[in-house]
C-alpha cells in the first residue's frame, strides 16, 4: 500500500510543489486548501496525471473542527496517513506597530500558529491509533529566528511554530516524530510572492532557494530521519549566519 501525506495549503506555492513531488514518488496526497478552490482543482489534476491517488478537502485551518473533519475525511479515504506537512500560512504586507490591527494580529497568529496546532492535534489522534505511528513536519520560517522590520505578527507566529514543534515532539514521542523546516528566501517563478526578493548575492550560496530544496528537507525529516524529533532545519543557503556575521 502506498504511503500517504496530508499537506495543508497544498493548492499553491510551496504546498503545491511539495504535493507534486510526493506524488511523483508514488505517495497518496491529502490535498487541503482554504479558499483557492480553482488552484486546488488544478493541483488535483496534476497529481492524478502523475498516477497518484488524491483526496481534496477544504477547511479553514483556524477552525479546529473544520481541519479535524478534513483530516479524518482524508484518513478515511486512504485508510491511514503517514505524514502531516503543516504548510498553510499567511505572509501579510509589512506594517509598523501602530498599524497592526487586532484583525491582522488574529489573522496571522490564528492561521500560522493555531492552524498548525489544530492540524497536528487531529493528526496525533489518528496516528496514535496506527501501528506505525506517523510523523509531522511543520513549516516555520527564517523569520522565526530573526526580527524583520515591520513584520511583528509574522515573526511571532513563526517563532511560535518552532516552540510548538518542540512541545509536540515531547508530547507525542515515541510514536510520532515532530520536526520543522524553516525556509529562507524561496523563489517561485510560477507564483511569486508580492514584493521584491533580497539580492541573491547576499546569500552565501549565491542563489535563492527552490521548492526542491524545501522538499529535500521535508522528505528527510518526514521519511528518512527516524531518530530525530523536536528539531528545526533552516533551509536558507546560509543567509542567517551571513546576517549574524554582518552584525559583528
C-alpha atoms as a PDB file:
ATOM      1  CA  UNK A   1       0.000   0.000   0.000  1.00  0.00           C
ATOM      2  CA  UNK A   2       1.317   3.460  -0.908  1.00  0.00           C
ATOM      3  CA  UNK A   3       2.309   5.899   1.792  1.00  0.00           C
ATOM      4  CA  UNK A   4       0.099   8.935   2.347  1.00  0.00           C
ATOM      5  CA  UNK A   5       0.886  12.565   3.126  1.00  0.00           C
ATOM      6  CA  UNK A   6      -1.627  15.222   4.167  1.00  0.00           C
ATOM      7  CA  UNK A   7      -0.450  18.720   3.198  1.00  0.00           C
ATOM      8  CA  UNK A   8      -2.218  21.846   4.412  1.00  0.00           C
ATOM      9  CA  UNK A   9      -2.284  24.746   1.993  1.00  0.00           C
ATOM     10  CA  UNK A  10      -1.456  22.432  -0.906  1.00  0.00           C
ATOM     11  CA  UNK A  11      -3.266  24.320  -3.675  1.00  0.00           C
ATOM     12  CA  UNK A  12      -0.477  26.740  -4.482  1.00  0.00           C
ATOM     13  CA  UNK A  13       3.107  27.829  -3.972  1.00  0.00           C
ATOM     14  CA  UNK A  14       5.297  25.617  -1.734  1.00  0.00           C
ATOM     15  CA  UNK A  15       2.416  23.354  -0.697  1.00  0.00           C
ATOM     16  CA  UNK A  16       1.560  22.599  -4.314  1.00  0.00           C
ATOM     17  CA  UNK A  17       5.188  21.903  -5.123  1.00  0.00           C
ATOM     18  CA  UNK A  18       5.501  19.508  -2.196  1.00  0.00           C
ATOM     19  CA  UNK A  19       2.308  17.688  -3.200  1.00  0.00           C
ATOM     20  CA  UNK A  20       3.518  17.162  -6.768  1.00  0.00           C
ATOM     21  CA  UNK A  21       6.909  15.917  -5.626  1.00  0.00           C
ATOM     22  CA  UNK A  22       5.423  13.444  -3.164  1.00  0.00           C
ATOM     23  CA  UNK A  23       3.020  12.263  -5.867  1.00  0.00           C
ATOM     24  CA  UNK A  24       5.926  11.757  -8.276  1.00  0.00           C
ATOM     25  CA  UNK A  25       7.419   9.402  -5.690  1.00  0.00           C
ATOM     26  CA  UNK A  26       4.250   7.352  -5.557  1.00  0.00           C
ATOM     27  CA  UNK A  27       2.639   8.797  -2.439  1.00  0.00           C
ATOM     28  CA  UNK A  28      -1.096   9.348  -1.960  1.00  0.00           C
ATOM     29  CA  UNK A  29      -1.935  13.008  -1.362  1.00  0.00           C
ATOM     30  CA  UNK A  30      -4.363  14.524   1.101  1.00  0.00           C
ATOM     31  CA  UNK A  31      -4.731  17.908  -0.611  1.00  0.00           C
ATOM     32  CA  UNK A  32      -6.039  20.553   1.759  1.00  0.00           C
ATOM     33  CA  UNK A  33      -6.994  24.053   0.645  1.00  0.00           C
ATOM     34  CA  UNK A  34      -8.674  27.001   2.292  1.00  0.00           C
ATOM     35  CA  UNK A  35     -10.020  29.411  -0.330  1.00  0.00           C
ATOM     36  CA  UNK A  36      -8.080  28.632  -3.532  1.00  0.00           C
ATOM     37  CA  UNK A  37     -10.542  26.100  -4.936  1.00  0.00           C
ATOM     38  CA  UNK A  38      -9.671  26.688  -8.601  1.00  0.00           C
ATOM     39  CA  UNK A  39      -5.957  26.278  -7.918  1.00  0.00           C
ATOM     40  CA  UNK A  40      -6.666  23.215  -5.797  1.00  0.00           C
ATOM     41  CA  UNK A  41      -8.536  21.616  -8.702  1.00  0.00           C
ATOM     42  CA  UNK A  42      -5.591  22.303 -10.997  1.00  0.00           C
ATOM     43  CA  UNK A  43      -3.209  20.728  -8.494  1.00  0.00           C
ATOM     44  CA  UNK A  44      -5.506  17.732  -8.089  1.00  0.00           C
ATOM     45  CA  UNK A  45      -5.476  17.120 -11.830  1.00  0.00           C
ATOM     46  CA  UNK A  46      -1.692  17.366 -11.921  1.00  0.00           C
ATOM     47  CA  UNK A  47      -1.382  14.864  -9.083  1.00  0.00           C
ATOM     48  CA  UNK A  48      -3.718  12.430 -10.808  1.00  0.00           C
ATOM     49  CA  UNK A  49      -1.718  12.798 -14.025  1.00  0.00           C
ATOM     50  CA  UNK A  50       1.272  11.511 -12.060  1.00  0.00           C
ATOM     51  CA  UNK A  51      -0.705   8.382 -11.189  1.00  0.00           C
ATOM     52  CA  UNK A  52      -1.225   9.181  -7.506  1.00  0.00           C
ATOM     53  CA  UNK A  53      -4.456   8.956  -5.543  1.00  0.00           C
ATOM     54  CA  UNK A  54      -5.636  12.289  -4.158  1.00  0.00           C
ATOM     55  CA  UNK A  55      -8.333  13.346  -1.702  1.00  0.00           C
ATOM     56  CA  UNK A  56      -9.104  17.068  -1.926  1.00  0.00           C
ATOM     57  CA  UNK A  57     -10.581  18.658   1.206  1.00  0.00           C
ATOM     58  CA  UNK A  58     -11.438  22.229   2.184  1.00  0.00           C
ATOM     59  CA  UNK A  59     -11.150  23.707   5.666  1.00  0.00           C
ATOM     60  CA  UNK A  60     -10.311  26.933   7.442  1.00  0.00           C
ATOM     61  CA  UNK A  61      -7.228  25.920   9.452  1.00  0.00           C
ATOM     62  CA  UNK A  62      -8.193  28.456  12.103  1.00  0.00           C
ATOM     63  CA  UNK A  63     -11.255  26.357  12.882  1.00  0.00           C
ATOM     64  CA  UNK A  64     -10.389  23.266  14.921  1.00  0.00           C
ATOM     65  CA  UNK A  65     -13.450  21.267  13.911  1.00  0.00           C
ATOM     66  CA  UNK A  66     -13.107  22.077  10.211  1.00  0.00           C
ATOM     67  CA  UNK A  67      -9.485  20.973   9.928  1.00  0.00           C
ATOM     68  CA  UNK A  68     -10.148  17.888  12.045  1.00  0.00           C
ATOM     69  CA  UNK A  69     -13.030  16.916   9.767  1.00  0.00           C
ATOM     70  CA  UNK A  70     -10.894  17.457   6.681  1.00  0.00           C
ATOM     71  CA  UNK A  71      -8.009  15.412   8.060  1.00  0.00           C
ATOM     72  CA  UNK A  72     -10.218  12.489   9.030  1.00  0.00           C
ATOM     73  CA  UNK A  73     -12.030  12.630   5.693  1.00  0.00           C
ATOM     74  CA  UNK A  74      -8.675  12.041   4.018  1.00  0.00           C
ATOM     75  CA  UNK A  75      -7.708   9.419   6.605  1.00  0.00           C
ATOM     76  CA  UNK A  76     -10.920   7.506   5.947  1.00  0.00           C
ATOM     77  CA  UNK A  77     -10.373   7.750   2.186  1.00  0.00           C
ATOM     78  CA  UNK A  78      -6.855   6.307   2.333  1.00  0.00           C
ATOM     79  CA  UNK A  79      -7.126   4.151   5.474  1.00  0.00           C
ATOM     80  CA  UNK A  80      -4.160   5.840   7.176  1.00  0.00           C
ATOM     81  CA  UNK A  81      -1.957   8.913   6.938  1.00  0.00           C
ATOM     82  CA  UNK A  82       1.771   8.567   7.497  1.00  0.00           C
ATOM     83  CA  UNK A  83       2.859  12.186   7.378  1.00  0.00           C
ATOM     84  CA  UNK A  84       1.330  15.593   8.044  1.00  0.00           C
ATOM     85  CA  UNK A  85       3.035  18.604   6.466  1.00  0.00           C
ATOM     86  CA  UNK A  86       1.748  21.740   8.160  1.00  0.00           C
ATOM     87  CA  UNK A  87       2.309  24.199   5.335  1.00  0.00           C
ATOM     88  CA  UNK A  88      -0.714  26.551   5.357  1.00  0.00           C
ATOM     89  CA  UNK A  89       0.231  30.072   6.317  1.00  0.00           C
ATOM     90  CA  UNK A  90      -0.013  33.765   5.517  1.00  0.00           C
ATOM     91  CA  UNK A  91       2.642  36.434   4.947  1.00  0.00           C
ATOM     92  CA  UNK A  92       0.965  39.813   5.322  1.00  0.00           C
ATOM     93  CA  UNK A  93       2.195  43.104   3.974  1.00  0.00           C
ATOM     94  CA  UNK A  94       4.654  44.905   6.260  1.00  0.00           C
ATOM     95  CA  UNK A  95       3.094  47.168   8.859  1.00  0.00           C
ATOM     96  CA  UNK A  96       4.638  49.344  11.584  1.00  0.00           C
ATOM     97  CA  UNK A  97       3.466  48.518  15.091  1.00  0.00           C
ATOM     98  CA  UNK A  98       0.901  51.328  15.168  1.00  0.00           C
ATOM     99  CA  UNK A  99      -0.772  49.908  12.063  1.00  0.00           C
ATOM    100  CA  UNK A 100      -1.054  46.324  13.317  1.00  0.00           C
ATOM    101  CA  UNK A 101      -4.772  45.970  13.902  1.00  0.00           C
ATOM    102  CA  UNK A 102      -6.424  43.406  16.094  1.00  0.00           C
ATOM    103  CA  UNK A 103      -7.859  41.850  12.929  1.00  0.00           C
ATOM    104  CA  UNK A 104      -4.413  41.496  11.346  1.00  0.00           C
ATOM    105  CA  UNK A 105      -2.894  40.116  14.551  1.00  0.00           C
ATOM    106  CA  UNK A 106      -5.599  37.490  14.927  1.00  0.00           C
ATOM    107  CA  UNK A 107      -5.497  36.553  11.228  1.00  0.00           C
ATOM    108  CA  UNK A 108      -1.751  35.923  11.224  1.00  0.00           C
ATOM    109  CA  UNK A 109      -1.443  34.227  14.609  1.00  0.00           C
ATOM    110  CA  UNK A 110      -4.547  32.089  14.148  1.00  0.00           C
ATOM    111  CA  UNK A 111      -3.563  30.979  10.642  1.00  0.00           C
ATOM    112  CA  UNK A 112       0.160  30.409  11.173  1.00  0.00           C
ATOM    113  CA  UNK A 113       0.106  29.064  14.729  1.00  0.00           C
ATOM    114  CA  UNK A 114      -3.397  27.950  15.724  1.00  0.00           C
ATOM    115  CA  UNK A 115      -3.768  26.259  12.340  1.00  0.00           C
ATOM    116  CA  UNK A 116      -0.622  24.188  12.763  1.00  0.00           C
ATOM    117  CA  UNK A 117      -1.649  23.113  16.257  1.00  0.00           C
ATOM    118  CA  UNK A 118      -5.189  22.150  15.234  1.00  0.00           C
ATOM    119  CA  UNK A 119      -3.939  20.080  12.283  1.00  0.00           C
ATOM    120  CA  UNK A 120      -1.277  18.438  14.443  1.00  0.00           C
ATOM    121  CA  UNK A 121      -3.886  17.652  17.078  1.00  0.00           C
ATOM    122  CA  UNK A 122      -6.030  15.850  14.507  1.00  0.00           C
ATOM    123  CA  UNK A 123      -3.012  14.030  13.093  1.00  0.00           C
ATOM    124  CA  UNK A 124      -1.912  12.924  16.537  1.00  0.00           C
ATOM    125  CA  UNK A 125      -5.338  11.480  17.270  1.00  0.00           C
ATOM    126  CA  UNK A 126      -5.251   9.451  14.062  1.00  0.00           C
ATOM    127  CA  UNK A 127      -1.591   8.458  14.141  1.00  0.00           C
ATOM    128  CA  UNK A 128      -1.695   7.222  17.714  1.00  0.00           C
ATOM    129  CA  UNK A 129      -4.187   4.589  16.534  1.00  0.00           C
ATOM    130  CA  UNK A 130      -1.840   3.413  13.769  1.00  0.00           C
ATOM    131  CA  UNK A 131       0.610   0.608  14.479  1.00  0.00           C
ATOM    132  CA  UNK A 132       3.465   2.521  12.822  1.00  0.00           C
ATOM    133  CA  UNK A 133       2.520   5.903  14.292  1.00  0.00           C
ATOM    134  CA  UNK A 134       3.444   8.742  11.964  1.00  0.00           C
ATOM    135  CA  UNK A 135       5.401  11.944  11.528  1.00  0.00           C
ATOM    136  CA  UNK A 136       4.648  15.648  11.460  1.00  0.00           C
ATOM    137  CA  UNK A 137       6.693  18.316   9.697  1.00  0.00           C
ATOM    138  CA  UNK A 138       5.748  21.913  10.463  1.00  0.00           C
ATOM    139  CA  UNK A 139       6.733  24.713   8.095  1.00  0.00           C
ATOM    140  CA  UNK A 140       8.200  27.635  10.013  1.00  0.00           C
ATOM    141  CA  UNK A 141      10.401  30.352   8.505  1.00  0.00           C
ATOM    142  CA  UNK A 142      13.778  32.017   8.785  1.00  0.00           C
ATOM    143  CA  UNK A 143      11.631  34.836  10.131  1.00  0.00           C
ATOM    144  CA  UNK A 144      11.201  32.759  13.288  1.00  0.00           C
ATOM    145  CA  UNK A 145      14.890  33.251  14.054  1.00  0.00           C
ATOM    146  CA  UNK A 146      15.193  36.915  13.115  1.00  0.00           C
ATOM    147  CA  UNK A 147      13.330  40.167  13.656  1.00  0.00           C
ATOM    148  CA  UNK A 148      12.331  41.655  10.312  1.00  0.00           C
ATOM    149  CA  UNK A 149      11.293  45.286  10.019  1.00  0.00           C
ATOM    150  CA  UNK A 150       7.533  45.780  10.310  1.00  0.00           C
ATOM    151  CA  UNK A 151       6.832  42.031  10.426  1.00  0.00           C
ATOM    152  CA  UNK A 152       5.914  41.587  14.097  1.00  0.00           C
ATOM    153  CA  UNK A 153       2.856  39.309  13.657  1.00  0.00           C
ATOM    154  CA  UNK A 154       4.687  37.086  11.161  1.00  0.00           C
ATOM    155  CA  UNK A 155       7.902  36.850  13.194  1.00  0.00           C
ATOM    156  CA  UNK A 156       5.995  35.993  16.359  1.00  0.00           C
ATOM    157  CA  UNK A 157       3.745  33.427  14.677  1.00  0.00           C
ATOM    158  CA  UNK A 158       6.629  31.571  13.040  1.00  0.00           C
ATOM    159  CA  UNK A 159       8.725  31.643  16.220  1.00  0.00           C
ATOM    160  CA  UNK A 160       5.734  30.072  17.915  1.00  0.00           C
ATOM    161  CA  UNK A 161       5.798  27.257  15.357  1.00  0.00           C
ATOM    162  CA  UNK A 162       9.323  26.312  16.433  1.00  0.00           C
ATOM    163  CA  UNK A 163       8.349  26.121  20.101  1.00  0.00           C
ATOM    164  CA  UNK A 164       5.141  24.295  19.144  1.00  0.00           C
ATOM    165  CA  UNK A 165       7.276  21.756  17.285  1.00  0.00           C
ATOM    166  CA  UNK A 166       9.403  21.131  20.369  1.00  0.00           C
ATOM    167  CA  UNK A 167       6.362  20.822  22.618  1.00  0.00           C
ATOM    168  CA  UNK A 168       4.583  18.430  20.249  1.00  0.00           C
ATOM    169  CA  UNK A 169       7.729  16.335  19.854  1.00  0.00           C
ATOM    170  CA  UNK A 170       7.910  15.785  23.594  1.00  0.00           C
ATOM    171  CA  UNK A 171       4.180  15.160  23.960  1.00  0.00           C
ATOM    172  CA  UNK A 172       3.907  12.682  21.091  1.00  0.00           C
ATOM    173  CA  UNK A 173       7.135  10.680  21.412  1.00  0.00           C
ATOM    174  CA  UNK A 174       7.939   7.891  20.859  1.00  0.00           C
ATOM    175  CA  UNK A 175       5.165   7.096  18.400  1.00  0.00           C
ATOM    176  CA  UNK A 176       5.139  10.349  16.421  1.00  0.00           C
ATOM    177  CA  UNK A 177       8.234  12.365  15.478  1.00  0.00           C
ATOM    178  CA  UNK A 178       7.671  16.109  15.049  1.00  0.00           C
ATOM    179  CA  UNK A 179      10.129  18.466  13.357  1.00  0.00           C
ATOM    180  CA  UNK A 180      10.029  21.713  11.418  1.00  0.00           C
ATOM    181  CA  UNK A 181      11.569  23.225   8.304  1.00  0.00           C
ATOM    182  CA  UNK A 182      12.351  26.950   8.229  1.00  0.00           C
ATOM    183  CA  UNK A 183      12.708  28.251   4.652  1.00  0.00           C
ATOM    184  CA  UNK A 184      14.678  31.350   3.831  1.00  0.00           C
ATOM    185  CA  UNK A 185      14.202  33.235   0.567  1.00  0.00           C
ATOM    186  CA  UNK A 186      12.412  30.858  -1.806  1.00  0.00           C
ATOM    187  CA  UNK A 187      11.893  31.755  -5.453  1.00  0.00           C
ATOM    188  CA  UNK A 188       8.666  30.565  -7.063  1.00  0.00           C
ATOM    189  CA  UNK A 189       8.677  31.880 -10.647  1.00  0.00           C
ATOM    190  CA  UNK A 190       5.216  30.481 -11.439  1.00  0.00           C
ATOM    191  CA  UNK A 191       3.582  32.009  -8.350  1.00  0.00           C
ATOM    192  CA  UNK A 192       5.769  34.807  -6.964  1.00  0.00           C
ATOM    193  CA  UNK A 193       5.066  36.458  -3.650  1.00  0.00           C
ATOM    194  CA  UNK A 194       4.311  40.194  -3.679  1.00  0.00           C
ATOM    195  CA  UNK A 195       7.324  42.437  -3.208  1.00  0.00           C
ATOM    196  CA  UNK A 196      10.967  42.047  -4.144  1.00  0.00           C
ATOM    197  CA  UNK A 197      13.359  39.306  -3.086  1.00  0.00           C
ATOM    198  CA  UNK A 198      16.587  40.385  -1.432  1.00  0.00           C
ATOM    199  CA  UNK A 199      19.609  40.306  -3.776  1.00  0.00           C
ATOM    200  CA  UNK A 200      20.850  36.756  -4.243  1.00  0.00           C
ATOM    201  CA  UNK A 201      24.470  37.833  -3.747  1.00  0.00           C
ATOM    202  CA  UNK A 202      23.678  38.448  -0.075  1.00  0.00           C
ATOM    203  CA  UNK A 203      23.063  34.712   0.337  1.00  0.00           C
ATOM    204  CA  UNK A 204      26.271  32.681   0.888  1.00  0.00           C
ATOM    205  CA  UNK A 205      25.119  30.037  -1.623  1.00  0.00           C
ATOM    206  CA  UNK A 206      24.575  32.858  -4.164  1.00  0.00           C
ATOM    207  CA  UNK A 207      21.102  31.753  -5.202  1.00  0.00           C
ATOM    208  CA  UNK A 208      17.535  31.670  -3.968  1.00  0.00           C
ATOM    209  CA  UNK A 209      16.029  28.513  -2.558  1.00  0.00           C
ATOM    210  CA  UNK A 210      13.624  26.392  -4.581  1.00  0.00           C
ATOM    211  CA  UNK A 211      10.742  24.072  -3.838  1.00  0.00           C
ATOM    212  CA  UNK A 212      13.154  21.199  -4.460  1.00  0.00           C
ATOM    213  CA  UNK A 213      15.303  22.467  -1.580  1.00  0.00           C
ATOM    214  CA  UNK A 214      12.290  22.551   0.736  1.00  0.00           C
ATOM    215  CA  UNK A 215      11.098  19.149  -0.443  1.00  0.00           C
ATOM    216  CA  UNK A 216      14.501  17.607   0.291  1.00  0.00           C
ATOM    217  CA  UNK A 217      14.309  18.870   3.877  1.00  0.00           C
ATOM    218  CA  UNK A 218      10.696  17.763   4.333  1.00  0.00           C
ATOM    219  CA  UNK A 219      11.470  14.334   2.858  1.00  0.00           C
ATOM    220  CA  UNK A 220      14.483  13.907   5.143  1.00  0.00           C
ATOM    221  CA  UNK A 221      12.570  14.765   8.312  1.00  0.00           C
ATOM    222  CA  UNK A 222       9.276  13.201   7.266  1.00  0.00           C
ATOM    223  CA  UNK A 223      10.568   9.972   5.744  1.00  0.00           C
ATOM    224  CA  UNK A 224      14.264   9.247   6.270  1.00  0.00           C
ATOM    225  CA  UNK A 225      15.101  10.561   9.738  1.00  0.00           C
ATOM    226  CA  UNK A 226      13.692   8.046  12.181  1.00  0.00           C
ATOM    227  CA  UNK A 227      15.627   9.182  15.256  1.00  0.00           C
ATOM    228  CA  UNK A 228      15.222  12.969  15.006  1.00  0.00           C
ATOM    229  CA  UNK A 229      12.442  14.842  16.768  1.00  0.00           C
ATOM    230  CA  UNK A 230      11.870  18.349  18.100  1.00  0.00           C
ATOM    231  CA  UNK A 231      14.337  19.936  15.661  1.00  0.00           C
ATOM    232  CA  UNK A 232      14.173  22.781  13.162  1.00  0.00           C
ATOM    233  CA  UNK A 233      16.094  22.583   9.891  1.00  0.00           C
ATOM    234  CA  UNK A 234      16.817  26.032   8.435  1.00  0.00           C
ATOM    235  CA  UNK A 235      16.904  25.948   4.632  1.00  0.00           C
ATOM    236  CA  UNK A 236      18.250  29.374   3.703  1.00  0.00           C
ATOM    237  CA  UNK A 237      21.503  28.952   1.788  1.00  0.00           C
ATOM    238  CA  UNK A 238      23.402  30.276   4.817  1.00  0.00           C
ATOM    239  CA  UNK A 239      21.584  33.628   4.920  1.00  0.00           C
ATOM    240  CA  UNK A 240      21.045  33.521   8.669  1.00  0.00           C
ATOM    241  CA  UNK A 241      24.709  33.031   9.537  1.00  0.00           C
ATOM    242  CA  UNK A 242      25.759  35.644   6.965  1.00  0.00           C
ATOM    243  CA  UNK A 243      23.475  38.217   8.553  1.00  0.00           C
ATOM    244  CA  UNK A 244      24.730  37.303  12.032  1.00  0.00           C
ATOM    245  CA  UNK A 245      28.312  37.836  10.852  1.00  0.00           C
ATOM    246  CA  UNK A 246      27.451  41.178   9.245  1.00  0.00           C
ATOM    247  CA  UNK A 247      26.237  42.475  12.619  1.00  0.00           C
ATOM    248  CA  UNK A 248      29.542  41.752  14.413  1.00  0.00           C
END
